[in-house]
Amino acid sequence: MKARVHVTLKTGVLDPQGRAIAHALGTLGFDGVQDVRQGKYIELDLAETDKAKAKSAVDQMCAKLLANTVIENYSIELVD
């Protein structure tokens, strides 16, 4: 089973990398971009076959290591 984790900064948290991307896009002529928020994507191959157990395990991974829950949100998608 695969787990796909998307980690993004919480609303209100300054995103300097997103601002840099927005600025760079503007200099390349993409004037319609008003704001950019960047994040990270993590894909995990899991041996667990039970979806509930897999989701629980990945949730713990996110809370302990993959996301800084003070400033980041995360979402988990499980794929067979």
PDB file of N, CA and C in Angstrom:
ATOM      1  N   MET A   1       0.842  -1.169   0.000  1.00  0.00           N
ATOM      2  CA  MET A   1       0.000   0.000   0.000  1.00  0.00           C
ATOM      3  C   MET A   1       0.893   1.239   0.000  1.00  0.00           C
ATOM      4  N   LYS A   2       0.467   2.248  -0.719  1.00  0.00           N
ATOM      5  CA  LYS A   2       1.194   3.513  -0.759  1.00  0.00           C
ATOM      6  C   LYS A   2       0.444   4.550   0.059  1.00  0.00           C
ATOM      7  N   ALA A   3       1.197   5.400   0.707  1.00  0.00           N
ATOM      8  CA  ALA A   3       0.631   6.556   1.394  1.00  0.00           C
ATOM      9  C   ALA A   3       1.232   7.794   0.749  1.00  0.00           C
ATOM     10  N   ARG A   4       0.364   8.721   0.394  1.00  0.00           N
ATOM     11  CA  ARG A   4       0.804  10.000  -0.159  1.00  0.00           C
ATOM     12  C   ARG A   4       0.484  11.077   0.865  1.00  0.00           C
ATOM     13  N   VAL A   5       1.511  11.813   1.248  1.00  0.00           N
ATOM     14  CA  VAL A   5       1.365  12.845   2.272  1.00  0.00           C
ATOM     15  C   VAL A   5       1.678  14.195   1.645  1.00  0.00           C
ATOM     16  N   HIS A   6       0.766  15.136   1.820  1.00  0.00           N
ATOM     17  CA  HIS A   6       0.963  16.509   1.359  1.00  0.00           C
ATOM     18  C   HIS A   6       1.088  17.389   2.599  1.00  0.00           C
ATOM     19  N   VAL A   7       2.195  18.111   2.693  1.00  0.00           N
ATOM     20  CA  VAL A   7       2.446  18.986   3.830  1.00  0.00           C
ATOM     21  C   VAL A   7       2.488  20.426   3.325  1.00  0.00           C
ATOM     22  N   THR A   8       1.699  21.285   3.954  1.00  0.00           N
ATOM     23  CA  THR A   8       1.668  22.698   3.576  1.00  0.00           C
ATOM     24  C   THR A   8       1.731  23.565   4.828  1.00  0.00           C
ATOM     25  N   LEU A   9       2.180  24.790   4.632  1.00  0.00           N
ATOM     26  CA  LEU A   9       2.204  25.728   5.750  1.00  0.00           C
ATOM     27  C   LEU A   9       0.782  26.139   6.105  1.00  0.00           C
ATOM     28  N   LYS A  10       0.547  26.339   7.387  1.00  0.00           N
ATOM     29  CA  LYS A  10      -0.765  26.793   7.829  1.00  0.00           C
ATOM     30  C   LYS A  10      -1.015  28.210   7.328  1.00  0.00           C
ATOM     31  N   THR A  11      -2.286  28.552   7.179  1.00  0.00           N
ATOM     32  CA  THR A  11      -2.669  29.897   6.787  1.00  0.00           C
ATOM     33  C   THR A  11      -2.123  30.888   7.814  1.00  0.00           C
ATOM     34  N   GLY A  12      -1.546  31.959   7.334  1.00  0.00           N
ATOM     35  CA  GLY A  12      -0.999  32.977   8.225  1.00  0.00           C
ATOM     36  C   GLY A  12       0.483  32.828   8.505  1.00  0.00           C
ATOM     37  N   VAL A  13       1.054  31.677   8.179  1.00  0.00           N
ATOM     38  CA  VAL A  13       2.494  31.472   8.367  1.00  0.00           C
ATOM     39  C   VAL A  13       3.221  32.021   7.143  1.00  0.00           C
ATOM     40  N   LEU A  14       4.204  32.866   7.369  1.00  0.00           N
ATOM     41  CA  LEU A  14       4.984  33.462   6.284  1.00  0.00           C
ATOM     42  C   LEU A  14       5.648  32.363   5.453  1.00  0.00           C
ATOM     43  N   ASP A  15       5.563  32.508   4.142  1.00  0.00           N
ATOM     44  CA  ASP A  15       6.121  31.513   3.219  1.00  0.00           C
ATOM     45  C   ASP A  15       7.133  32.206   2.298  1.00  0.00           C
ATOM     46  N   PRO A  16       8.375  32.392   2.767  1.00  0.00           N
ATOM     47  CA  PRO A  16       9.361  33.095   1.948  1.00  0.00           C
ATOM     48  C   PRO A  16       9.687  32.375   0.645  1.00  0.00           C
ATOM     49  N   GLN A  17       9.673  31.053   0.647  1.00  0.00           N
ATOM     50  CA  GLN A  17       9.946  30.313  -0.584  1.00  0.00           C
ATOM     51  C   GLN A  17       8.807  30.518  -1.582  1.00  0.00           C
ATOM     52  N   GLY A  18       7.587  30.541  -1.099  1.00  0.00           N
ATOM     53  CA  GLY A  18       6.448  30.825  -1.965  1.00  0.00           C
ATOM     54  C   GLY A  18       6.541  32.218  -2.574  1.00  0.00           C
ATOM     55  N   ARG A  19       6.958  33.189  -1.769  1.00  0.00           N
ATOM     56  CA  ARG A  19       7.127  34.558  -2.286  1.00  0.00           C
ATOM     57  C   ARG A  19       8.206  34.610  -3.357  1.00  0.00           C
ATOM     58  N   ALA A  20       9.298  33.881  -3.136  1.00  0.00           N
ATOM     59  CA  ALA A  20      10.382  33.858  -4.119  1.00  0.00           C
ATOM     60  C   ALA A  20       9.899  33.233  -5.426  1.00  0.00           C
ATOM     61  N   ILE A  21       9.101  32.179  -5.333  1.00  0.00           N
ATOM     62  CA  ILE A  21       8.553  31.543  -6.531  1.00  0.00           C
ATOM     63  C   ILE A  21       7.632  32.515  -7.261  1.00  0.00           C
ATOM     64  N   ALA A  22       6.767  33.199  -6.506  1.00  0.00           N
ATOM     65  CA  ALA A  22       5.843  34.168  -7.120  1.00  0.00           C
ATOM     66  C   ALA A  22       6.614  35.273  -7.829  1.00  0.00           C
ATOM     67  N   HIS A  23       7.674  35.764  -7.191  1.00  0.00           N
ATOM     68  CA  HIS A  23       8.490  36.816  -7.806  1.00  0.00           C
ATOM     69  C   HIS A  23       9.151  36.308  -9.090  1.00  0.00           C
ATOM     70  N   ALA A  24       9.718  35.114  -9.027  1.00  0.00           N
ATOM     71  CA  ALA A  24      10.384  34.538 -10.196  1.00  0.00           C
ATOM     72  C   ALA A  24       9.396  34.337 -11.343  1.00  0.00           C
ATOM     73  N   LEU A  25       8.197  33.878 -11.033  1.00  0.00           N
ATOM     74  CA  LEU A  25       7.185  33.709 -12.078  1.00  0.00           C
ATOM     75  C   LEU A  25       6.841  35.051 -12.723  1.00  0.00           C
ATOM     76  N   GLY A  26       6.760  36.096 -11.901  1.00  0.00           N
ATOM     77  CA  GLY A  26       6.489  37.432 -12.428  1.00  0.00           C
ATOM     78  C   GLY A  26       7.583  37.911 -13.359  1.00  0.00           C
ATOM     79  N   THR A  27       8.831  37.645 -13.009  1.00  0.00           N
ATOM     80  CA  THR A  27       9.943  38.075 -13.871  1.00  0.00           C
ATOM     81  C   THR A  27       9.995  37.272 -15.169  1.00  0.00           C
ATOM     82  N   LEU A  28       9.375  36.100 -15.166  1.00  0.00           N
ATOM     83  CA  LEU A  28       9.315  35.287 -16.377  1.00  0.00           C
ATOM     84  C   LEU A  28       8.099  35.616 -17.244  1.00  0.00           C
ATOM     85  N   GLY A  29       7.331  36.604 -16.806  1.00  0.00           N
ATOM     86  CA  GLY A  29       6.199  37.051 -17.599  1.00  0.00           C
ATOM     87  C   GLY A  29       4.856  36.459 -17.208  1.00  0.00           C
ATOM     88  N   PHE A  30       4.801  35.705 -16.137  1.00  0.00           N
ATOM     89  CA  PHE A  30       3.534  35.133 -15.675  1.00  0.00           C
ATOM     90  C   PHE A  30       2.906  36.108 -14.674  1.00  0.00           C
ATOM     91  N   ASP A  31       2.271  37.148 -15.214  1.00  0.00           N
ATOM     92  CA  ASP A  31       1.785  38.244 -14.389  1.00  0.00           C
ATOM     93  C   ASP A  31       0.512  37.930 -13.609  1.00  0.00           C
ATOM     94  N   GLY A  32      -0.219  36.903 -13.962  1.00  0.00           N
ATOM     95  CA  GLY A  32      -1.488  36.610 -13.313  1.00  0.00           C
ATOM     96  C   GLY A  32      -1.372  35.914 -11.974  1.00  0.00           C
ATOM     97  N   VAL A  33      -0.172  35.567 -11.533  1.00  0.00           N
ATOM     98  CA  VAL A  33       0.012  34.851 -10.271  1.00  0.00           C
ATOM     99  C   VAL A  33       0.024  35.864  -9.127  1.00  0.00           C
ATOM    100  N   GLN A  34      -0.956  35.776  -8.247  1.00  0.00           N
ATOM    101  CA  GLN A  34      -1.067  36.732  -7.153  1.00  0.00           C
ATOM    102  C   GLN A  34      -0.365  36.247  -5.889  1.00  0.00           C
ATOM    103  N   ASP A  35      -0.363  34.947  -5.648  1.00  0.00           N
ATOM    104  CA  ASP A  35       0.255  34.414  -4.433  1.00  0.00           C
ATOM    105  C   ASP A  35       0.666  32.963  -4.689  1.00  0.00           C
ATOM    106  N   VAL A  36       1.708  32.531  -4.021  1.00  0.00           N
ATOM    107  CA  VAL A  36       2.174  31.141  -4.124  1.00  0.00           C
ATOM    108  C   VAL A  36       2.422  30.627  -2.715  1.00  0.00           C
ATOM    109  N   ARG A  37       1.915  29.444  -2.428  1.00  0.00           N
ATOM    110  CA  ARG A  37       2.213  28.742  -1.188  1.00  0.00           C
ATOM    111  C   ARG A  37       2.847  27.419  -1.603  1.00  0.00           C
ATOM    112  N   GLN A  38       4.010  27.133  -1.102  1.00  0.00           N
ATOM    113  CA  GLN A  38       4.686  25.902  -1.473  1.00  0.00           C
ATOM    114  C   GLN A  38       4.603  24.915  -0.322  1.00  0.00           C
ATOM    115  N   GLY A  39       4.814  23.656  -0.632  1.00  0.00           N
ATOM    116  CA  GLY A  39       4.782  22.614   0.383  1.00  0.00           C
ATOM    117  C   GLY A  39       5.675  21.463  -0.026  1.00  0.00           C
ATOM    118  N   LYS A  40       5.398  20.307   0.541  1.00  0.00           N
ATOM    119  CA  LYS A  40       6.185  19.141   0.172  1.00  0.00           C
ATOM    120  C   LYS A  40       5.267  17.934   0.017  1.00  0.00           C
ATOM    121  N   TYR A  41       5.709  16.996  -0.794  1.00  0.00           N
ATOM    122  CA  TYR A  41       4.978  15.770  -1.097  1.00  0.00           C
ATOM    123  C   TYR A  41       5.873  14.606  -0.716  1.00  0.00           C
ATOM    124  N   ILE A  42       5.326  13.684   0.053  1.00  0.00           N
ATOM    125  CA  ILE A  42       6.082  12.517   0.497  1.00  0.00           C
ATOM    126  C   ILE A  42       5.271  11.273   0.139  1.00  0.00           C
ATOM    127  N   GLU A  43       5.917  10.301  -0.496  1.00  0.00           N
ATOM    128  CA  GLU A  43       5.251   9.050  -0.837  1.00  0.00           C
ATOM    129  C   GLU A  43       5.935   7.926  -0.079  1.00  0.00           C
ATOM    130  N   LEU A  44       5.143   7.125   0.608  1.00  0.00           N
ATOM    131  CA  LEU A  44       5.662   6.026   1.412  1.00  0.00           C
ATOM    132  C   LEU A  44       5.105   4.702   0.907  1.00  0.00           C
ATOM    133  N   ASP A  45       5.947   3.696   0.767  1.00  0.00           N
ATOM    134  CA  ASP A  45       5.502   2.335   0.482  1.00  0.00           C
ATOM    135  C   ASP A  45       5.400   1.609   1.813  1.00  0.00           C
ATOM    136  N   LEU A  46       4.208   1.121   2.120  1.00  0.00           N
ATOM    137  CA  LEU A  46       3.962   0.489   3.411  1.00  0.00           C
ATOM    138  C   LEU A  46       3.707  -1.006   3.251  1.00  0.00           C
ATOM    139  N   ALA A  47       4.173  -1.794   4.205  1.00  0.00           N
ATOM    140  CA  ALA A  47       3.898  -3.228   4.214  1.00  0.00           C
ATOM    141  C   ALA A  47       2.491  -3.503   4.753  1.00  0.00           C
ATOM    142  N   GLU A  48       1.957  -2.577   5.530  1.00  0.00           N
ATOM    143  CA  GLU A  48       0.628  -2.735   6.136  1.00  0.00           C
ATOM    144  C   GLU A  48      -0.458  -2.811   5.064  1.00  0.00           C
ATOM    145  N   THR A  49      -1.383  -3.759   5.227  1.00  0.00           N
ATOM    146  CA  THR A  49      -2.474  -3.910   4.261  1.00  0.00           C
ATOM    147  C   THR A  49      -3.812  -3.414   4.804  1.00  0.00           C
ATOM    148  N   ASP A  50      -3.908  -3.254   6.113  1.00  0.00           N
ATOM    149  CA  ASP A  50      -5.130  -2.738   6.729  1.00  0.00           C
ATOM    150  C   ASP A  50      -5.118  -1.215   6.658  1.00  0.00           C
ATOM    151  N   LYS A  51      -6.129  -0.635   5.977  1.00  0.00           N
ATOM    152  CA  LYS A  51      -6.145   0.816   5.751  1.00  0.00           C
ATOM    153  C   LYS A  51      -6.184   1.619   7.049  1.00  0.00           C
ATOM    154  N   ALA A  52      -6.959   1.176   8.009  1.00  0.00           N
ATOM    155  CA  ALA A  52      -7.071   1.908   9.273  1.00  0.00           C
ATOM    156  C   ALA A  52      -5.729   1.929  10.008  1.00  0.00           C
ATOM    157  N   LYS A  53      -5.051   0.778  10.037  1.00  0.00           N
ATOM    158  CA  LYS A  53      -3.744   0.707  10.699  1.00  0.00           C
ATOM    159  C   LYS A  53      -2.710   1.530   9.940  1.00  0.00           C
ATOM    160  N   ALA A  54      -2.754   1.474   8.608  1.00  0.00           N
ATOM    161  CA  ALA A  54      -1.812   2.236   7.798  1.00  0.00           C
ATOM    162  C   ALA A  54      -2.013   3.730   8.017  1.00  0.00           C
ATOM    163  N   LYS A  55      -3.256   4.185   8.018  1.00  0.00           N
ATOM    164  CA  LYS A  55      -3.537   5.607   8.219  1.00  0.00           C
ATOM    165  C   LYS A  55      -3.075   6.061   9.594  1.00  0.00           C
ATOM    166  N   SER A  56      -3.323   5.237  10.590  1.00  0.00           N
ATOM    167  CA  SER A  56      -2.889   5.559  11.948  1.00  0.00           C
ATOM    168  C   SER A  56      -1.363   5.663  12.028  1.00  0.00           C
ATOM    169  N   ALA A  57      -0.670   4.729  11.404  1.00  0.00           N
ATOM    170  CA  ALA A  57       0.795   4.734  11.421  1.00  0.00           C
ATOM    171  C   ALA A  57       1.344   5.968  10.709  1.00  0.00           C
ATOM    172  N   VAL A  58       0.793   6.293   9.552  1.00  0.00           N
ATOM    173  CA  VAL A  58       1.272   7.456   8.795  1.00  0.00           C
ATOM    174  C   VAL A  58       0.942   8.741   9.545  1.00  0.00           C
ATOM    175  N   ASP A  59      -0.209   8.786  10.196  1.00  0.00           N
ATOM    176  CA  ASP A  59      -0.565   9.950  11.002  1.00  0.00           C
ATOM    177  C   ASP A  59       0.468  10.162  12.108  1.00  0.00           C
ATOM    178  N   GLN A  60       0.901   9.097  12.742  1.00  0.00           N
ATOM    179  CA  GLN A  60       1.929   9.187  13.778  1.00  0.00           C
ATOM    180  C   GLN A  60       3.264   9.641  13.185  1.00  0.00           C
ATOM    181  N   MET A  61       3.602   9.132  11.993  1.00  0.00           N
ATOM    182  CA  MET A  61       4.835   9.552  11.319  1.00  0.00           C
ATOM    183  C   MET A  61       4.819  11.047  11.052  1.00  0.00           C
ATOM    184  N   CYS A  62       3.676  11.534  10.602  1.00  0.00           N
ATOM    185  CA  CYS A  62       3.546  12.961  10.299  1.00  0.00           C
ATOM    186  C   CYS A  62       3.689  13.800  11.564  1.00  0.00           C
ATOM    187  N   ALA A  63       3.002  13.371  12.628  1.00  0.00           N
ATOM    188  CA  ALA A  63       3.027  14.120  13.876  1.00  0.00           C
ATOM    189  C   ALA A  63       4.415  14.132  14.516  1.00  0.00           C
ATOM    190  N   LYS A  64       5.169  13.057  14.335  1.00  0.00           N
ATOM    191  CA  LYS A  64       6.476  12.947  14.988  1.00  0.00           C
ATOM    192  C   LYS A  64       7.647  13.424  14.141  1.00  0.00           C
ATOM    193  N   LEU A  65       7.523  13.354  12.789  1.00  0.00           N
ATOM    194  CA  LEU A  65       8.691  13.658  11.962  1.00  0.00           C
ATOM    195  C   LEU A  65       8.387  14.397  10.668  1.00  0.00           C
ATOM    196  N   LEU A  66       7.412  13.950   9.926  1.00  0.00           N
ATOM    197  CA  LEU A  66       7.238  14.441   8.557  1.00  0.00           C
ATOM    198  C   LEU A  66       6.689  15.857   8.475  1.00  0.00           C
ATOM    199  N   ALA A  67       5.954  16.303   9.481  1.00  0.00           N
ATOM    200  CA  ALA A  67       5.387  17.651   9.469  1.00  0.00           C
ATOM    201  C   ALA A  67       5.654  18.336  10.808  1.00  0.00           C
ATOM    202  N   ASN A  68       5.891  19.616  10.743  1.00  0.00           N
ATOM    203  CA  ASN A  68       5.993  20.427  11.957  1.00  0.00           C
ATOM    204  C   ASN A  68       4.589  20.939  12.240  1.00  0.00           C
ATOM    205  N   THR A  69       3.871  20.247  13.107  1.00  0.00           N
ATOM    206  CA  THR A  69       2.454  20.535  13.296  1.00  0.00           C
ATOM    207  C   THR A  69       2.174  21.896  13.934  1.00  0.00           C
ATOM    208  N   VAL A  70       3.196  22.578  14.395  1.00  0.00           N
ATOM    209  CA  VAL A  70       3.008  23.933  14.911  1.00  0.00           C
ATOM    210  C   VAL A  70       2.717  24.889  13.756  1.00  0.00           C
ATOM    211  N   ILE A  71       3.413  24.706  12.624  1.00  0.00           N
ATOM    212  CA  ILE A  71       3.267  25.640  11.502  1.00  0.00           C
ATOM    213  C   ILE A  71       2.774  24.980  10.215  1.00  0.00           C
ATOM    214  N   GLU A  72       2.626  23.647  10.215  1.00  0.00           N
ATOM    215  CA  GLU A  72       2.236  22.948   8.986  1.00  0.00           C
ATOM    216  C   GLU A  72       0.990  22.089   9.187  1.00  0.00           C
ATOM    217  N   ASN A  73       0.212  21.976   8.121  1.00  0.00           N
ATOM    218  CA  ASN A  73      -0.890  21.031   8.026  1.00  0.00           C
ATOM    219  C   ASN A  73      -0.442  19.884   7.127  1.00  0.00           C
ATOM    220  N   TYR A  74      -1.091  18.742   7.265  1.00  0.00           N
ATOM    221  CA  TYR A  74      -0.803  17.633   6.364  1.00  0.00           C
ATOM    222  C   TYR A  74      -2.082  16.883   6.041  1.00  0.00           C
ATOM    223  N   SER A  75      -2.070  16.237   4.890  1.00  0.00           N
ATOM    224  CA  SER A  75      -3.178  15.366   4.504  1.00  0.00           C
ATOM    225  C   SER A  75      -2.586  14.050   4.033  1.00  0.00           C
ATOM    226  N   ILE A  76      -3.333  12.986   4.266  1.00  0.00           N
ATOM    227  CA  ILE A  76      -2.874  11.633   3.938  1.00  0.00           C
ATOM    228  C   ILE A  76      -3.840  11.005   2.952  1.00  0.00           C
ATOM    229  N   GLU A  77      -3.282  10.404   1.908  1.00  0.00           N
ATOM    230  CA  GLU A  77      -4.070   9.649   0.930  1.00  0.00           C
ATOM    231  C   GLU A  77      -3.477   8.248   0.841  1.00  0.00           C
ATOM    232  N   LEU A  78      -4.304   7.237   1.027  1.00  0.00           N
ATOM    233  CA  LEU A  78      -3.848   5.848   0.925  1.00  0.00           C
ATOM    234  C   LEU A  78      -4.291   5.272  -0.409  1.00  0.00           C
ATOM    235  N   VAL A  79      -3.376   4.553  -1.076  1.00  0.00           N
ATOM    236  CA  VAL A  79      -3.638   3.958  -2.375  1.00  0.00           C
ATOM    237  C   VAL A  79      -3.220   2.498  -2.330  1.00  0.00           C
ATOM    238  N   ASP A  80      -4.107   1.612  -2.785  1.00  0.00           N
ATOM    239  CA  ASP A  80      -3.763   0.182  -2.817  1.00  0.00           C
ATOM    240  C   ASP A  80      -2.722  -0.118  -3.861  1.00  0.00           C
TER     241      ASP A  80
END
